[in-house]
Amino acid sequence: MARNIGADRDGDVYRAVIVITDDGGGTWTRHEGPYDKPGAARARVTFWTRYYAVRDPDTFEQTGHSLATGHIEKATTTWERI
């Protein structure tokens, strides 16, 4: 069954770009989307930033740093009959 995503219509679509740094210092990037509103993509960036938050080993409280950063990107889709 087909699913309905933001790219199913003409206009702007958004995606979340998340860059994660592993323990060895290497980085990798993941993309999530497309979404039809920028807020949905921004929420995914927030989720991964919090998920990879650095915690104090003694208290397990967040230190204010994260191993993940991110931003959102916008693209415009135009569908044409061929």
Protein backbone atom coordinates (compact mmCIF):
# COMPACT_ATOMS: atom_id res chain seq x y z
CA MET A 1 0.00 0.00 0.00
CA ALA A 2 1.32 3.44 -0.89
CA ARG A 3 1.81 5.96 1.88
CA ASN A 4 1.13 9.68 1.80
CA ILE A 5 4.24 11.79 2.37
CA GLY A 6 5.04 15.45 1.92
CA ALA A 7 6.54 14.84 -1.52
CA ASP A 8 3.16 13.72 -2.88
CA ARG A 9 2.22 17.30 -3.65
CA ASP A 10 3.72 20.23 -5.51
CA GLY A 11 5.56 22.74 -3.37
CA ASP A 12 8.09 22.81 -0.59
CA VAL A 13 9.18 19.74 1.35
CA TYR A 14 11.59 19.56 4.28
CA ARG A 15 14.02 17.03 5.69
CA ALA A 16 16.04 16.70 8.85
CA VAL A 17 19.82 16.33 8.51
CA ILE A 18 21.43 14.90 11.64
CA VAL A 19 25.21 14.60 12.08
CA ILE A 20 26.28 12.19 14.83
CA THR A 21 29.80 11.86 16.26
CA ASP A 22 30.69 8.43 17.62
CA ASP A 23 33.02 7.67 20.53
CA GLY A 24 36.02 7.30 18.20
CA GLY A 25 35.57 10.78 16.74
CA GLY A 26 34.08 9.63 13.43
CA THR A 27 30.94 11.24 12.12
CA TRP A 28 28.01 9.98 10.11
CA THR A 29 24.98 11.70 8.70
CA ARG A 30 21.38 10.58 8.56
CA HIS A 31 18.51 12.16 6.67
CA GLU A 32 14.86 11.90 7.68
CA GLY A 33 11.91 13.04 5.63
CA PRO A 34 10.47 14.42 3.50
CA TYR A 35 7.97 16.30 5.65
CA ASP A 36 5.39 18.79 4.48
CA LYS A 37 6.08 21.27 7.31
CA PRO A 38 9.42 22.52 8.66
CA GLY A 39 8.30 21.92 12.25
CA ALA A 40 8.14 18.17 11.73
CA ALA A 41 11.72 18.09 10.43
CA ARG A 42 12.88 20.40 13.24
CA ALA A 43 11.30 18.04 15.79
CA ARG A 44 13.42 15.17 14.47
CA VAL A 45 16.59 17.25 14.88
CA THR A 46 15.55 18.03 18.46
CA PHE A 47 14.79 14.36 19.16
CA TRP A 48 18.23 13.13 18.01
CA THR A 49 20.07 15.98 19.74
CA ARG A 50 18.42 15.01 23.02
CA TYR A 51 18.85 11.29 22.39
CA TYR A 52 22.62 11.72 22.01
CA ALA A 53 22.95 14.20 24.89
CA VAL A 54 26.14 13.79 26.90
CA ARG A 55 25.38 12.87 30.51
CA ASP A 56 27.45 13.19 33.67
CA PRO A 57 28.54 9.65 34.65
CA ASP A 58 27.91 10.29 38.35
CA THR A 59 24.52 12.00 38.29
CA PHE A 60 23.33 10.96 34.78
CA GLU A 61 22.19 14.54 34.20
CA GLN A 62 22.69 16.20 30.83
CA THR A 63 25.84 18.31 30.57
CA GLY A 64 24.45 20.63 27.90
CA HIS A 65 26.47 18.98 25.13
CA SER A 66 25.33 16.45 22.54
CA LEU A 67 27.06 14.05 20.18
CA ALA A 68 24.47 15.03 17.55
CA THR A 69 23.82 18.28 15.72
CA GLY A 70 21.49 18.99 12.88
CA HIS A 71 19.59 21.33 10.65
CA ILE A 72 16.68 21.23 8.23
CA GLU A 73 16.75 21.54 4.47
CA LYS A 74 14.05 22.66 2.04
CA ALA A 75 13.41 21.44 -1.48
CA THR A 76 10.74 22.29 -4.00
CA THR A 77 9.06 19.51 -5.92
CA THR A 78 7.42 20.01 -9.26
CA TRP A 79 5.53 17.15 -10.84
CA GLU A 80 5.05 17.00 -14.60
CA ARG A 81 3.33 14.54 -16.84
CA ILE A 82 5.61 12.55 -19.14
